[in-house]
PDB file of N, CA and C in Angstrom:
ATOM      1  N   MET A   1     -18.476 -23.043   6.908  1.00  0.00           N
ATOM      2  CA  MET A   1     -18.249 -21.719   6.322  1.00  0.00           C
ATOM      3  C   MET A   1     -17.056 -21.111   7.090  1.00  0.00           C
ATOM      4  N   GLN A   2     -15.965 -20.733   6.370  1.00  0.00           N
ATOM      5  CA  GLN A   2     -14.786 -20.154   6.960  1.00  0.00           C
ATOM      6  C   GLN A   2     -14.866 -18.641   6.962  1.00  0.00           C
ATOM      7  N   THR A   3     -14.223 -18.001   7.902  1.00  0.00           N
ATOM      8  CA  THR A   3     -14.161 -16.560   7.875  1.00  0.00           C
ATOM      9  C   THR A   3     -13.180 -16.073   6.829  1.00  0.00           C
ATOM     10  N   VAL A   4     -13.135 -14.807   6.562  1.00  0.00           N
ATOM     11  CA  VAL A   4     -12.250 -14.250   5.581  1.00  0.00           C
ATOM     12  C   VAL A   4     -10.783 -14.521   5.964  1.00  0.00           C
ATOM     13  N   ARG A   5     -10.492 -14.333   7.207  1.00  0.00           N
ATOM     14  CA  ARG A   5      -9.094 -14.576   7.687  1.00  0.00           C
ATOM     15  C   ARG A   5      -8.695 -16.028   7.571  1.00  0.00           C
ATOM     16  N   GLN A   6      -9.610 -16.937   7.838  1.00  0.00           N
ATOM     17  CA  GLN A   6      -9.291 -18.313   7.728  1.00  0.00           C
ATOM     18  C   GLN A   6      -9.114 -18.696   6.216  1.00  0.00           C
ATOM     19  N   GLN A   7      -9.906 -18.150   5.355  1.00  0.00           N
ATOM     20  CA  GLN A   7      -9.731 -18.380   3.919  1.00  0.00           C
ATOM     21  C   GLN A   7      -8.413 -17.772   3.440  1.00  0.00           C
ATOM     22  N   MET A   8      -8.070 -16.641   3.897  1.00  0.00           N
ATOM     23  CA  MET A   8      -6.811 -15.977   3.559  1.00  0.00           C
ATOM     24  C   MET A   8      -5.634 -16.763   4.050  1.00  0.00           C
ATOM     25  N   THR A   9      -5.675 -17.258   5.283  1.00  0.00           N
ATOM     26  CA  THR A   9      -4.587 -18.056   5.822  1.00  0.00           C
ATOM     27  C   THR A   9      -4.411 -19.361   5.041  1.00  0.00           C
ATOM     28  N   ALA A  10      -5.553 -19.992   4.660  1.00  0.00           N
ATOM     29  CA  ALA A  10      -5.477 -21.217   3.868  1.00  0.00           C
ATOM     30  C   ALA A  10      -4.845 -20.939   2.502  1.00  0.00           C
ATOM     31  N   LEU A  11      -5.232 -19.836   1.871  1.00  0.00           N
ATOM     32  CA  LEU A  11      -4.610 -19.507   0.539  1.00  0.00           C
ATOM     33  C   LEU A  11      -3.142 -19.233   0.670  1.00  0.00           C
ATOM     34  N   LEU A  12      -2.742 -18.496   1.737  1.00  0.00           N
ATOM     35  CA  LEU A  12      -1.341 -18.130   1.924  1.00  0.00           C
ATOM     36  C   LEU A  12      -0.511 -19.351   2.346  1.00  0.00           C
ATOM     37  N   SER A  13      -1.131 -20.370   2.919  1.00  0.00           N
ATOM     38  CA  SER A  13      -0.400 -21.562   3.236  1.00  0.00           C
ATOM     39  C   SER A  13      -0.074 -22.399   2.039  1.00  0.00           C
ATOM     40  N   GLN A  14      -0.889 -22.218   0.993  1.00  0.00           N
ATOM     41  CA  GLN A  14      -0.688 -23.050  -0.246  1.00  0.00           C
ATOM     42  C   GLN A  14       0.203 -22.373  -1.250  1.00  0.00           C
ATOM     43  N   GLN A  15       0.185 -21.018  -1.298  1.00  0.00           N
ATOM     44  CA  GLN A  15       0.938 -20.310  -2.308  1.00  0.00           C
ATOM     45  C   GLN A  15       1.255 -18.909  -1.908  1.00  0.00           C
ATOM     46  N   VAL A  16       2.167 -18.254  -2.658  1.00  0.00           N
ATOM     47  CA  VAL A  16       2.547 -16.898  -2.430  1.00  0.00           C
ATOM     48  C   VAL A  16       1.570 -16.025  -3.180  1.00  0.00           C
ATOM     49  N   CYS A  17       1.041 -15.023  -2.480  1.00  0.00           N
ATOM     50  CA  CYS A  17       0.002 -14.081  -3.122  1.00  0.00           C
ATOM     51  C   CYS A  17       0.308 -12.612  -2.747  1.00  0.00           C
ATOM     52  N   SER A  18      -0.069 -11.756  -3.650  1.00  0.00           N
ATOM     53  CA  SER A  18       0.001 -10.327  -3.348  1.00  0.00           C
ATOM     54  C   SER A  18      -1.347  -9.895  -2.773  1.00  0.00           C
ATOM     55  N   ALA A  19      -1.405  -8.711  -2.263  1.00  0.00           N
ATOM     56  CA  ALA A  19      -2.659  -8.171  -1.728  1.00  0.00           C
ATOM     57  C   ALA A  19      -3.742  -8.101  -2.805  1.00  0.00           C
ATOM     58  N   ARG A  20      -3.362  -7.759  -4.002  1.00  0.00           N
ATOM     59  CA  ARG A  20      -4.336  -7.691  -5.102  1.00  0.00           C
ATOM     60  C   ARG A  20      -4.857  -9.073  -5.392  1.00  0.00           C
ATOM     61  N   ASP A  21      -4.017 -10.081  -5.427  1.00  0.00           N
ATOM     62  CA  ASP A  21      -4.467 -11.483  -5.623  1.00  0.00           C
ATOM     63  C   ASP A  21      -5.492 -11.901  -4.561  1.00  0.00           C
ATOM     64  N   LEU A  22      -5.169 -11.609  -3.299  1.00  0.00           N
ATOM     65  CA  LEU A  22      -6.078 -11.971  -2.240  1.00  0.00           C
ATOM     66  C   LEU A  22      -7.402 -11.204  -2.330  1.00  0.00           C
ATOM     67  N   SER A  23      -7.354  -9.938  -2.658  1.00  0.00           N
ATOM     68  CA  SER A  23      -8.615  -9.187  -2.734  1.00  0.00           C
ATOM     69  C   SER A  23      -9.534  -9.670  -3.880  1.00  0.00           C
ATOM     70  N   GLN A  24      -8.904 -10.129  -4.988  1.00  0.00           N
ATOM     71  CA  GLN A  24      -9.740 -10.608  -6.069  1.00  0.00           C
ATOM     72  C   GLN A  24     -10.304 -12.024  -5.770  1.00  0.00           C
ATOM     73  N   ARG A  25      -9.442 -12.870  -5.119  1.00  0.00           N
ATOM     74  CA  ARG A  25      -9.972 -14.196  -4.826  1.00  0.00           C
ATOM     75  C   ARG A  25     -11.005 -14.225  -3.738  1.00  0.00           C
ATOM     76  N   LEU A  26     -10.903 -13.313  -2.785  1.00  0.00           N
ATOM     77  CA  LEU A  26     -11.803 -13.328  -1.648  1.00  0.00           C
ATOM     78  C   LEU A  26     -12.921 -12.297  -1.771  1.00  0.00           C
ATOM     79  N   SER A  27     -12.901 -11.538  -2.870  1.00  0.00           N
ATOM     80  CA  SER A  27     -13.919 -10.513  -3.124  1.00  0.00           C
ATOM     81  C   SER A  27     -14.042  -9.473  -2.033  1.00  0.00           C
ATOM     82  N   ILE A  28     -12.892  -8.992  -1.593  1.00  0.00           N
ATOM     83  CA  ILE A  28     -12.871  -7.891  -0.604  1.00  0.00           C
ATOM     84  C   ILE A  28     -11.992  -6.800  -1.191  1.00  0.00           C
ATOM     85  N   GLN A  29     -12.070  -5.639  -0.536  1.00  0.00           N
ATOM     86  CA  GLN A  29     -11.218  -4.489  -1.050  1.00  0.00           C
ATOM     87  C   GLN A  29      -9.771  -4.747  -0.631  1.00  0.00           C
ATOM     88  N   GLU A  30      -8.879  -4.177  -1.417  1.00  0.00           N
ATOM     89  CA  GLU A  30      -7.456  -4.343  -1.148  1.00  0.00           C
ATOM     90  C   GLU A  30      -7.064  -3.724   0.173  1.00  0.00           C
ATOM     91  N   LYS A  31      -7.720  -2.651   0.566  1.00  0.00           N
ATOM     92  CA  LYS A  31      -7.426  -1.965   1.868  1.00  0.00           C
ATOM     93  C   LYS A  31      -7.788  -2.893   3.030  1.00  0.00           C
ATOM     94  N   GLU A  32      -8.783  -3.700   2.895  1.00  0.00           N
ATOM     95  CA  GLU A  32      -9.145  -4.674   3.926  1.00  0.00           C
ATOM     96  C   GLU A  32      -8.098  -5.759   4.098  1.00  0.00           C
ATOM     97  N   VAL A  33      -7.517  -6.151   3.036  1.00  0.00           N
ATOM     98  CA  VAL A  33      -6.513  -7.196   3.003  1.00  0.00           C
ATOM     99  C   VAL A  33      -5.388  -6.888   3.986  1.00  0.00           C
ATOM    100  N   TYR A  34      -4.947  -5.652   3.995  1.00  0.00           N
ATOM    101  CA  TYR A  34      -3.815  -5.272   4.854  1.00  0.00           C
ATOM    102  C   TYR A  34      -4.105  -5.382   6.341  1.00  0.00           C
ATOM    103  N   SER A  35      -5.360  -5.033   6.710  1.00  0.00           N
ATOM    104  CA  SER A  35      -5.741  -5.174   8.131  1.00  0.00           C
ATOM    105  C   SER A  35      -5.830  -6.624   8.527  1.00  0.00           C
ATOM    106  N   HIS A  36      -6.329  -7.474   7.611  1.00  0.00           N
ATOM    107  CA  HIS A  36      -6.409  -8.893   7.897  1.00  0.00           C
ATOM    108  C   HIS A  36      -5.011  -9.500   7.978  1.00  0.00           C
ATOM    109  N   LEU A  37      -4.091  -9.020   7.133  1.00  0.00           N
ATOM    110  CA  LEU A  37      -2.712  -9.588   7.123  1.00  0.00           C
ATOM    111  C   LEU A  37      -2.005  -9.285   8.445  1.00  0.00           C
ATOM    112  N   SER A  38      -2.222  -8.066   9.002  1.00  0.00           N
ATOM    113  CA  SER A  38      -1.569  -7.739  10.252  1.00  0.00           C
ATOM    114  C   SER A  38      -2.062  -8.674  11.386  1.00  0.00           C
ATOM    115  N   HIS A  39      -3.367  -8.990  11.364  1.00  0.00           N
ATOM    116  CA  HIS A  39      -3.913  -9.879  12.400  1.00  0.00           C
ATOM    117  C   HIS A  39      -3.409 -11.294  12.140  1.00  0.00           C
ATOM    118  N   ILE A  40      -3.349 -11.726  10.900  1.00  0.00           N
ATOM    119  CA  ILE A  40      -2.850 -13.069  10.570  1.00  0.00           C
ATOM    120  C   ILE A  40      -1.408 -13.208  11.054  1.00  0.00           C
ATOM    121  N   SER A  41      -0.617 -12.237  10.823  1.00  0.00           N
ATOM    122  CA  SER A  41       0.825 -12.288  11.264  1.00  0.00           C
ATOM    123  C   SER A  41       0.976 -12.580  12.729  1.00  0.00           C
ATOM    124  N   ARG A  42       0.059 -12.077  13.556  1.00  0.00           N
ATOM    125  CA  ARG A  42       0.071 -12.350  15.021  1.00  0.00           C
ATOM    126  C   ARG A  42      -0.549 -13.679  15.337  1.00  0.00           C
ATOM    127  N   SER A  43      -1.629 -14.044  14.660  1.00  0.00           N
ATOM    128  CA  SER A  43      -2.350 -15.266  15.042  1.00  0.00           C
ATOM    129  C   SER A  43      -1.674 -16.559  14.628  1.00  0.00           C
ATOM    130  N   VAL A  44      -0.899 -16.532  13.542  1.00  0.00           N
ATOM    131  CA  VAL A  44      -0.270 -17.815  13.088  1.00  0.00           C
ATOM    132  C   VAL A  44       0.871 -18.223  14.003  1.00  0.00           C
ATOM    133  N   VAL A  45       1.367 -17.335  14.832  1.00  0.00           N
ATOM    134  CA  VAL A  45       2.445 -17.658  15.716  1.00  0.00           C
ATOM    135  C   VAL A  45       2.068 -18.728  16.720  1.00  0.00           C
ATOM    136  N   SER A  46       0.800 -18.755  17.131  1.00  0.00           N
ATOM    137  CA  SER A  46       0.348 -19.784  18.076  1.00  0.00           C
ATOM    138  C   SER A  46       0.355 -21.204  17.450  1.00  0.00           C
ATOM    139  N   ARG A  47       0.330 -21.272  16.143  1.00  0.00           N
ATOM    140  CA  ARG A  47       0.419 -22.532  15.420  1.00  0.00           C
ATOM    141  C   ARG A  47       1.838 -22.862  14.949  1.00  0.00           C
ATOM    142  N   ARG A  48       2.796 -22.084  15.486  1.00  0.00           N
ATOM    143  CA  ARG A  48       4.218 -22.212  15.112  1.00  0.00           C
ATOM    144  C   ARG A  48       4.486 -21.996  13.617  1.00  0.00           C
ATOM    145  N   GLN A  49       3.798 -21.009  13.077  1.00  0.00           N
ATOM    146  CA  GLN A  49       3.945 -20.622  11.711  1.00  0.00           C
ATOM    147  C   GLN A  49       4.286 -19.124  11.725  1.00  0.00           C
ATOM    148  N   ARG A  50       4.562 -18.584  10.548  1.00  0.00           N
ATOM    149  CA  ARG A  50       4.846 -17.157  10.476  1.00  0.00           C
ATOM    150  C   ARG A  50       4.419 -16.628   9.096  1.00  0.00           C
ATOM    151  N   LEU A  51       4.159 -15.364   9.004  1.00  0.00           N
ATOM    152  CA  LEU A  51       3.829 -14.685   7.743  1.00  0.00           C
ATOM    153  C   LEU A  51       5.134 -14.202   7.156  1.00  0.00           C
ATOM    154  N   VAL A  52       5.478 -14.730   6.004  1.00  0.00           N
ATOM    155  CA  VAL A  52       6.732 -14.330   5.288  1.00  0.00           C
ATOM    156  C   VAL A  52       6.324 -13.288   4.294  1.00  0.00           C
ATOM    157  N   ILE A  53       7.128 -12.208   4.199  1.00  0.00           N
ATOM    158  CA  ILE A  53       6.874 -11.121   3.256  1.00  0.00           C
ATOM    159  C   ILE A  53       8.036 -11.117   2.250  1.00  0.00           C
ATOM    160  N   VAL A  54       7.651 -11.334   0.940  1.00  0.00           N
ATOM    161  CA  VAL A  54       8.634 -11.166  -0.121  1.00  0.00           C
ATOM    162  C   VAL A  54       8.669  -9.666  -0.425  1.00  0.00           C
ATOM    163  N   PRO A  55       9.750  -8.992  -0.201  1.00  0.00           N
ATOM    164  CA  PRO A  55       9.752  -7.524  -0.243  1.00  0.00           C
ATOM    165  C   PRO A  55       9.486  -6.963  -1.654  1.00  0.00           C
ATOM    166  N   SER A  56       9.023  -5.736  -1.621  1.00  0.00           N
ATOM    167  CA  SER A  56       8.811  -4.971  -2.883  1.00  0.00           C
ATOM    168  C   SER A  56      10.129  -4.690  -3.551  1.00  0.00           C
ATOM    169  N   ARG A  57      10.089  -4.444  -4.878  1.00  0.00           N
ATOM    170  CA  ARG A  57      11.317  -4.130  -5.616  1.00  0.00           C
ATOM    171  C   ARG A  57      10.955  -3.033  -6.628  1.00  0.00           C
ATOM    172  N   CYS A  58      11.913  -2.082  -6.797  1.00  0.00           N
ATOM    173  CA  CYS A  58      11.722  -1.030  -7.811  1.00  0.00           C
ATOM    174  C   CYS A  58      12.000  -1.664  -9.157  1.00  0.00           C
ATOM    175  N   LEU A  59      11.066  -1.414 -10.098  1.00  0.00           N
ATOM    176  CA  LEU A  59      11.253  -1.997 -11.433  1.00  0.00           C
ATOM    177  C   LEU A  59      12.209  -1.191 -12.308  1.00  0.00           C
ATOM    178  N   ALA A  60      12.502   0.035 -11.895  1.00  0.00           N
ATOM    179  CA  ALA A  60      13.384   0.908 -12.653  1.00  0.00           C
ATOM    180  C   ALA A  60      14.866   0.608 -12.335  1.00  0.00           C
ATOM    181  N   CYS A  61      15.222   0.564 -10.995  1.00  0.00           N
ATOM    182  CA  CYS A  61      16.634   0.450 -10.643  1.00  0.00           C
ATOM    183  C   CYS A  61      16.954  -0.826  -9.933  1.00  0.00           C
ATOM    184  N   GLY A  62      15.917  -1.635  -9.523  1.00  0.00           N
ATOM    185  CA  GLY A  62      16.140  -2.906  -8.872  1.00  0.00           C
ATOM    186  C   GLY A  62      16.262  -2.787  -7.344  1.00  0.00           C
ATOM    187  N   TYR A  63      16.113  -1.659  -6.762  1.00  0.00           N
ATOM    188  CA  TYR A  63      16.226  -1.515  -5.308  1.00  0.00           C
ATOM    189  C   TYR A  63      15.192  -2.432  -4.601  1.00  0.00           C
ATOM    190  N   VAL A  64      15.619  -3.176  -3.575  1.00  0.00           N
ATOM    191  CA  VAL A  64      14.774  -4.087  -2.863  1.00  0.00           C
ATOM    192  C   VAL A  64      14.501  -3.480  -1.476  1.00  0.00           C
ATOM    193  N   PHE A  65      13.231  -3.409  -1.100  1.00  0.00           N
ATOM    194  CA  PHE A  65      12.841  -2.831   0.199  1.00  0.00           C
ATOM    195  C   PHE A  65      12.894  -3.911   1.294  1.00  0.00           C
ATOM    196  N   LYS A  66      14.139  -4.369   1.650  1.00  0.00           N
ATOM    197  CA  LYS A  66      14.351  -5.430   2.607  1.00  0.00           C
ATOM    198  C   LYS A  66      13.925  -5.079   4.029  1.00  0.00           C
ATOM    199  N   GLU A  67      14.242  -3.869   4.439  1.00  0.00           N
ATOM    200  CA  GLU A  67      14.026  -3.450   5.843  1.00  0.00           C
ATOM    201  C   GLU A  67      12.610  -2.891   6.101  1.00  0.00           C
ATOM    202  N   ARG A  68      11.782  -2.856   5.140  1.00  0.00           N
ATOM    203  CA  ARG A  68      10.397  -2.302   5.296  1.00  0.00           C
ATOM    204  C   ARG A  68       9.574  -3.215   6.151  1.00  0.00           C
ATOM    205  N   LYS A  69       8.958  -2.639   7.191  1.00  0.00           N
ATOM    206  CA  LYS A  69       8.130  -3.407   8.112  1.00  0.00           C
ATOM    207  C   LYS A  69       6.646  -3.298   7.782  1.00  0.00           C
ATOM    208  N   ARG A  70       6.239  -2.219   7.066  1.00  0.00           N
ATOM    209  CA  ARG A  70       4.826  -2.079   6.738  1.00  0.00           C
ATOM    210  C   ARG A  70       4.396  -3.075   5.696  1.00  0.00           C
ATOM    211  N   LEU A  71       3.154  -3.502   5.708  1.00  0.00           N
ATOM    212  CA  LEU A  71       2.674  -4.514   4.756  1.00  0.00           C
ATOM    213  C   LEU A  71       2.251  -3.894   3.419  1.00  0.00           C
ATOM    214  N   THR A  72       2.015  -2.620   3.389  1.00  0.00           N
ATOM    215  CA  THR A  72       1.533  -1.986   2.146  1.00  0.00           C
ATOM    216  C   THR A  72       2.679  -1.791   1.146  1.00  0.00           C
ATOM    217  N   ARG A  73       2.298  -1.536  -0.094  1.00  0.00           N
ATOM    218  CA  ARG A  73       3.240  -1.277  -1.144  1.00  0.00           C
ATOM    219  C   ARG A  73       3.828   0.144  -1.041  1.00  0.00           C
ATOM    220  N   PRO A  74       5.184   0.313  -1.115  1.00  0.00           N
ATOM    221  CA  PRO A  74       5.747   1.681  -1.015  1.00  0.00           C
ATOM    222  C   PRO A  74       5.316   2.507  -2.233  1.00  0.00           C
ATOM    223  N   SER A  75       5.236   3.808  -2.026  1.00  0.00           N
ATOM    224  CA  SER A  75       4.778   4.674  -3.141  1.00  0.00           C
ATOM    225  C   SER A  75       5.880   5.033  -4.107  1.00  0.00           C
ATOM    226  N   ARG A  76       7.137   5.195  -3.622  1.00  0.00           N
ATOM    227  CA  ARG A  76       8.231   5.515  -4.477  1.00  0.00           C
ATOM    228  C   ARG A  76       9.558   5.012  -3.989  1.00  0.00           C
ATOM    229  N   CYS A  77      10.510   4.875  -4.893  1.00  0.00           N
ATOM    230  CA  CYS A  77      11.761   4.311  -4.571  1.00  0.00           C
ATOM    231  C   CYS A  77      12.667   5.398  -3.966  1.00  0.00           C
ATOM    232  N   PRO A  78      13.361   5.118  -2.840  1.00  0.00           N
ATOM    233  CA  PRO A  78      14.227   6.104  -2.213  1.00  0.00           C
ATOM    234  C   PRO A  78      15.512   6.350  -2.999  1.00  0.00           C
ATOM    235  N   ARG A  79      15.895   5.438  -3.867  1.00  0.00           N
ATOM    236  CA  ARG A  79      17.143   5.581  -4.627  1.00  0.00           C
ATOM    237  C   ARG A  79      16.921   6.410  -5.933  1.00  0.00           C
ATOM    238  N   CYS A  80      15.941   6.011  -6.752  1.00  0.00           N
ATOM    239  CA  CYS A  80      15.755   6.708  -8.042  1.00  0.00           C
ATOM    240  C   CYS A  80      14.491   7.540  -8.095  1.00  0.00           C
ATOM    241  N   ARG A  81      13.701   7.516  -7.027  1.00  0.00           N
ATOM    242  CA  ARG A  81      12.417   8.251  -7.000  1.00  0.00           C
ATOM    243  C   ARG A  81      11.376   7.744  -7.980  1.00  0.00           C
ATOM    244  N   GLY A  82      11.607   6.542  -8.515  1.00  0.00           N
ATOM    245  CA  GLY A  82      10.627   5.985  -9.452  1.00  0.00           C
ATOM    246  C   GLY A  82       9.417   5.473  -8.761  1.00  0.00           C
ATOM    247  N   GLU A  83       8.314   5.446  -9.442  1.00  0.00           N
ATOM    248  CA  GLU A  83       7.057   5.051  -8.847  1.00  0.00           C
ATOM    249  C   GLU A  83       6.580   3.662  -9.365  1.00  0.00           C
ATOM    250  N   ARG A  84       7.404   3.016 -10.141  1.00  0.00           N
ATOM    251  CA  ARG A  84       7.052   1.652 -10.670  1.00  0.00           C
ATOM    252  C   ARG A  84       7.615   0.614  -9.666  1.00  0.00           C
ATOM    253  N   ILE A  85       6.784   0.261  -8.722  1.00  0.00           N
ATOM    254  CA  ILE A  85       7.202  -0.622  -7.632  1.00  0.00           C
ATOM    255  C   ILE A  85       6.414  -1.897  -7.682  1.00  0.00           C
ATOM    256  N   GLU A  86       7.086  -3.018  -7.642  1.00  0.00           N
ATOM    257  CA  GLU A  86       6.450  -4.349  -7.619  1.00  0.00           C
ATOM    258  C   GLU A  86       5.758  -4.522  -6.228  1.00  0.00           C
ATOM    259  N   GLU A  87       4.649  -5.119  -6.240  1.00  0.00           N
ATOM    260  CA  GLU A  87       3.924  -5.370  -4.984  1.00  0.00           C
ATOM    261  C   GLU A  87       4.634  -6.383  -4.090  1.00  0.00           C
ATOM    262  N   PRO A  88       4.551  -6.233  -2.797  1.00  0.00           N
ATOM    263  CA  PRO A  88       5.107  -7.273  -1.912  1.00  0.00           C
ATOM    264  C   PRO A  88       4.171  -8.491  -1.987  1.00  0.00           C
ATOM    265  N   LYS A  89       4.735  -9.648  -1.724  1.00  0.00           N
ATOM    266  CA  LYS A  89       3.955 -10.895  -1.753  1.00  0.00           C
ATOM    267  C   LYS A  89       4.068 -11.541  -0.350  1.00  0.00           C
ATOM    268  N   TYR A  90       3.039 -12.336  -0.038  1.00  0.00           N
ATOM    269  CA  TYR A  90       2.933 -12.864   1.302  1.00  0.00           C
ATOM    270  C   TYR A  90       2.746 -14.401   1.256  1.00  0.00           C
ATOM    271  N   GLN A  91       3.231 -15.084   2.277  1.00  0.00           N
ATOM    272  CA  GLN A  91       3.014 -16.473   2.405  1.00  0.00           C
ATOM    273  C   GLN A  91       3.090 -16.901   3.885  1.00  0.00           C
ATOM    274  N   VAL A  92       2.320 -17.902   4.264  1.00  0.00           N
ATOM    275  CA  VAL A  92       2.353 -18.430   5.599  1.00  0.00           C
ATOM    276  C   VAL A  92       3.110 -19.709   5.548  1.00  0.00           C
ATOM    277  N   VAL A  93       4.190 -19.785   6.313  1.00  0.00           N
ATOM    278  CA  VAL A  93       5.045 -21.030   6.387  1.00  0.00           C
ATOM    279  C   VAL A  93       5.185 -21.480   7.831  1.00  0.00           C
TER     280      VAL A  93
END
């Protein structure tokens, strides 16, 4: 029996997933996913891996949140103030 973080790390090693995908597959709340992701980002370093974040993108103007360090989805675009934001995606490589 694997822990939630072990299951999450295994999923992220195989494919790119958003927080919503992870919460549905592991049957946990989306808020919990973010706390697990922050821990995973630190723990995979010992195995010479890293957590890669595919940044969010504004669907209205195309702005990409490249410099964002937080793991959560931004609430609005700084350029056009739009709220239609694509979720960030995560992968362990």
